[in-house]
Protein backbone atom coordinates (compact mmCIF):
# COMPACT_ATOMS: atom_id res chain seq x y z
CA MET A 1 10.36 -7.81 17.52
CA LYS A 2 11.64 -5.17 15.45
CA LEU A 3 10.40 -3.96 12.30
CA LYS A 4 12.73 -5.17 10.57
CA ASP A 5 12.03 -8.93 11.87
CA VAL A 6 8.10 -8.38 10.95
CA TYR A 7 9.35 -7.43 7.22
CA LYS A 8 11.40 -10.77 6.86
CA LYS A 9 8.57 -12.58 7.99
CA TYR A 10 5.50 -11.30 5.92
CA LYS A 11 7.65 -10.68 2.99
CA GLY A 12 4.79 -10.35 0.09
CA TYR A 13 2.34 -8.81 2.15
CA SER A 14 1.46 -5.02 2.14
CA PHE A 15 2.30 -3.18 4.88
CA GLU A 16 0.77 -0.22 7.16
CA VAL A 17 2.91 1.29 9.73
CA TYR A 18 1.46 3.45 12.64
CA GLY A 19 2.40 5.44 15.48
CA ARG A 20 -0.23 5.12 17.91
CA PRO A 21 -2.65 2.32 18.61
CA LEU A 22 -5.13 0.90 16.04
CA SER A 23 -8.01 1.24 17.98
CA GLN A 24 -7.27 4.84 17.35
CA PRO A 25 -8.32 6.72 14.14
CA THR A 26 -5.39 7.88 12.48
CA ILE A 27 -3.28 7.82 8.74
CA PRO A 28 -0.63 5.38 8.29
CA PHE A 29 3.13 6.55 8.24
CA THR A 30 2.15 9.42 10.64
CA LEU A 31 3.17 10.06 14.15
CA LEU A 32 5.99 7.96 13.70
CA PRO A 33 9.08 8.17 16.07
CA LYS A 34 11.92 10.27 15.11
CA VAL A 35 14.69 8.01 14.54
CA LYS A 36 17.17 7.42 11.94
CA ASP A 37 16.39 3.77 10.88
CA ILE A 38 12.63 3.29 11.44
CA LYS A 39 13.21 -0.51 10.71
CA GLU A 40 15.23 -0.84 14.11
CA CYS A 41 11.96 0.29 16.02
CA GLU A 42 9.96 -2.02 18.42
CA VAL A 43 7.11 -3.43 17.49
CA VAL A 44 4.15 -2.98 19.81
CA GLU A 45 1.23 -4.35 18.01
CA LEU A 46 0.59 -6.28 15.17
CA LYS A 47 -2.18 -7.35 13.06
CA VAL A 48 -2.30 -9.38 9.87
CA THR A 49 -4.89 -10.11 7.34
CA ASP A 50 -4.55 -12.58 4.85
CA LYS A 51 -6.59 -11.52 1.80
CA GLU A 52 -4.65 -12.07 -1.68
CA HIS A 53 -4.88 -8.87 -3.92
CA GLU A 54 -3.59 -6.80 -6.52
CA GLN A 55 -1.42 -3.46 -6.04
CA TYR A 56 -1.31 -1.03 -9.11
CA ARG A 57 1.57 1.20 -9.22
CA PHE A 58 1.58 4.85 -10.83
CA ASP A 59 4.18 7.39 -11.57
CA LEU A 60 3.41 11.00 -10.89
CA SER A 61 1.78 11.76 -14.12
CA GLY A 62 -0.76 9.09 -13.71
CA LYS A 63 0.49 6.34 -16.05
CA LEU A 64 0.65 2.79 -14.63
CA LYS A 65 4.10 1.43 -14.07
CA GLY A 66 2.72 -2.08 -13.00
CA LYS A 67 1.20 -4.05 -10.70
CA GLU A 68 2.18 -6.88 -8.17
CA THR A 69 -0.02 -9.45 -6.17
CA VAL A 70 0.41 -9.52 -2.51
CA LYS A 71 -0.67 -12.10 0.07
CA GLY A 72 -2.03 -9.71 2.32
CA TYR A 73 -2.14 -6.93 4.76
CA VAL A 74 -0.15 -6.18 7.94
CA ARG A 75 -0.81 -3.11 10.10
CA VAL A 76 1.99 -2.51 12.86
CA VAL A 77 2.33 -0.17 15.58
CA ILE A 78 5.94 0.88 16.59
CA LYS A 79 7.74 2.84 19.51
């Protein structure tokens, strides 16, 4: 399955994309493959947590831009 397929399947979820296995400590969106379109990468590992929560969006000055309710978290490892 490709990353773009996961985005379509879990619409309304918050995403974290990793470049190494979830069992190893790492920061999201680091150590990713160097490709032009990351959405075409193959998904190696997928973990979904269904926990509805609100996300707040801020601009660079710290002002609140808005909030949205998301259905849960999706953690994905790509190669």
